[in-house]
C-alpha atoms as a PDB file:
ATOM      1  CA  UNK A   1      93.916  49.244  75.665  1.00  0.00           C
ATOM      2  CA  UNK A   2      95.843  48.566  78.859  1.00  0.00           C
ATOM      3  CA  UNK A   3      98.224  50.994  80.470  1.00  0.00           C
ATOM      4  CA  UNK A   4     101.110  50.397  82.833  1.00  0.00           C
ATOM      5  CA  UNK A   5     103.823  52.542  84.297  1.00  0.00           C
ATOM      6  CA  UNK A   6     107.429  51.405  83.996  1.00  0.00           C
ATOM      7  CA  UNK A   7     110.172  53.696  85.311  1.00  0.00           C
ATOM      8  CA  UNK A   8     107.943  56.711  84.903  1.00  0.00           C
ATOM      9  CA  UNK A   9     106.994  55.986  81.292  1.00  0.00           C
ATOM     10  CA  UNK A  10     103.389  55.176  80.540  1.00  0.00           C
ATOM     11  CA  UNK A  11     103.076  52.146  78.256  1.00  0.00           C
ATOM     12  CA  UNK A  12      99.856  51.572  76.356  1.00  0.00           C
ATOM     13  CA  UNK A  13      99.310  48.046  75.085  1.00  0.00           C
ATOM     14  CA  UNK A  14      97.063  47.655  72.039  1.00  0.00           C
ATOM     15  CA  UNK A  15      95.356  44.563  73.491  1.00  0.00           C
ATOM     16  CA  UNK A  16      94.020  43.641  76.905  1.00  0.00           C
ATOM     17  CA  UNK A  17      95.662  40.956  79.037  1.00  0.00           C
ATOM     18  CA  UNK A  18      93.131  38.235  78.148  1.00  0.00           C
ATOM     19  CA  UNK A  19      93.632  38.767  74.413  1.00  0.00           C
ATOM     20  CA  UNK A  20      97.402  38.795  74.856  1.00  0.00           C
ATOM     21  CA  UNK A  21      97.196  35.514  76.779  1.00  0.00           C
ATOM     22  CA  UNK A  22      95.207  33.873  73.972  1.00  0.00           C
ATOM     23  CA  UNK A  23      97.629  35.151  71.319  1.00  0.00           C
ATOM     24  CA  UNK A  24     100.602  33.883  73.304  1.00  0.00           C
ATOM     25  CA  UNK A  25      98.976  30.514  73.976  1.00  0.00           C
ATOM     26  CA  UNK A  26      98.164  30.097  70.283  1.00  0.00           C
ATOM     27  CA  UNK A  27     101.724  31.012  69.342  1.00  0.00           C
ATOM     28  CA  UNK A  28     103.126  28.397  71.728  1.00  0.00           C
ATOM     29  CA  UNK A  29     100.782  25.711  70.344  1.00  0.00           C
ATOM     30  CA  UNK A  30     101.866  26.540  66.804  1.00  0.00           C
ATOM     31  CA  UNK A  31     105.544  26.349  67.806  1.00  0.00           C
ATOM     32  CA  UNK A  32     104.887  22.957  69.396  1.00  0.00           C
ATOM     33  CA  UNK A  33     103.236  21.718  66.201  1.00  0.00           C
ATOM     34  CA  UNK A  34     106.251  22.807  64.196  1.00  0.00           C
ATOM     35  CA  UNK A  35     108.540  20.973  66.625  1.00  0.00           C
ATOM     36  CA  UNK A  36     106.450  17.783  66.542  1.00  0.00           C
ATOM     37  CA  UNK A  37     106.494  17.783  62.759  1.00  0.00           C
ATOM     38  CA  UNK A  38     110.270  18.244  62.711  1.00  0.00           C
ATOM     39  CA  UNK A  39     110.932  15.505  65.261  1.00  0.00           C
ATOM     40  CA  UNK A  40     108.474  13.079  63.667  1.00  0.00           C
ATOM     41  CA  UNK A  41     110.736  12.907  60.618  1.00  0.00           C
ATOM     42  CA  UNK A  42     113.448  11.243  62.715  1.00  0.00           C
ATOM     43  CA  UNK A  43     111.401   8.432  64.253  1.00  0.00           C
ATOM     44  CA  UNK A  44     109.150   5.529  63.360  1.00  0.00           C
ATOM     45  CA  UNK A  45     106.932   2.994  65.047  1.00  0.00           C
ATOM     46  CA  UNK A  46     105.516   3.904  68.432  1.00  0.00           C
ATOM     47  CA  UNK A  47     107.394   7.205  68.596  1.00  0.00           C
ATOM     48  CA  UNK A  48     105.972   8.285  65.243  1.00  0.00           C
ATOM     49  CA  UNK A  49     102.479   7.383  66.433  1.00  0.00           C
ATOM     50  CA  UNK A  50     103.057   9.515  69.528  1.00  0.00           C
ATOM     51  CA  UNK A  51     104.043  12.537  67.443  1.00  0.00           C
ATOM     52  CA  UNK A  52     101.035  12.013  65.164  1.00  0.00           C
ATOM     53  CA  UNK A  53      98.779  11.943  68.219  1.00  0.00           C
ATOM     54  CA  UNK A  54     100.376  15.084  69.632  1.00  0.00           C
ATOM     55  CA  UNK A  55      99.955  16.826  66.265  1.00  0.00           C
ATOM     56  CA  UNK A  56      96.275  15.845  66.086  1.00  0.00           C
ATOM     57  CA  UNK A  57      95.531  16.969  69.647  1.00  0.00           C
ATOM     58  CA  UNK A  58      97.487  20.214  69.516  1.00  0.00           C
ATOM     59  CA  UNK A  59      96.021  21.067  66.092  1.00  0.00           C
ATOM     60  CA  UNK A  60      92.559  20.702  67.599  1.00  0.00           C
ATOM     61  CA  UNK A  61      93.567  22.803  70.610  1.00  0.00           C
ATOM     62  CA  UNK A  62      95.113  25.487  68.392  1.00  0.00           C
ATOM     63  CA  UNK A  63      91.885  25.675  66.386  1.00  0.00           C
ATOM     64  CA  UNK A  64      89.863  26.041  69.599  1.00  0.00           C
ATOM     65  CA  UNK A  65      92.134  28.817  70.837  1.00  0.00           C
ATOM     66  CA  UNK A  66      91.922  30.560  67.456  1.00  0.00           C
ATOM     67  CA  UNK A  67      88.117  30.327  67.476  1.00  0.00           C
ATOM     68  CA  UNK A  68      87.928  31.897  70.948  1.00  0.00           C
ATOM     69  CA  UNK A  69      90.430  34.586  69.924  1.00  0.00           C
ATOM     70  CA  UNK A  70      88.447  35.367  66.790  1.00  0.00           C
ATOM     71  CA  UNK A  71      85.244  35.689  68.864  1.00  0.00           C
ATOM     72  CA  UNK A  72      87.049  37.932  71.330  1.00  0.00           C
ATOM     73  CA  UNK A  73      88.406  40.144  68.548  1.00  0.00           C
ATOM     74  CA  UNK A  74      84.949  40.404  66.994  1.00  0.00           C
ATOM     75  CA  UNK A  75      83.662  42.314  70.015  1.00  0.00           C
END
């Protein structure tokens, strides 16, 4: 648990900075995947292939981040 002082009030965070960073990074990847899926419905051809590629790559990255986060939380 991390602690910081803000305007004289002690704030205790339930996760350390590294865990927070992983959670935030995973959240951003998942938002990107949602966006790619939405935008892919409006295109075809080369643009559709681009979105499919982005979805494949970011899905793989999201899984890697989740795996590392799960390991970290298992400590």
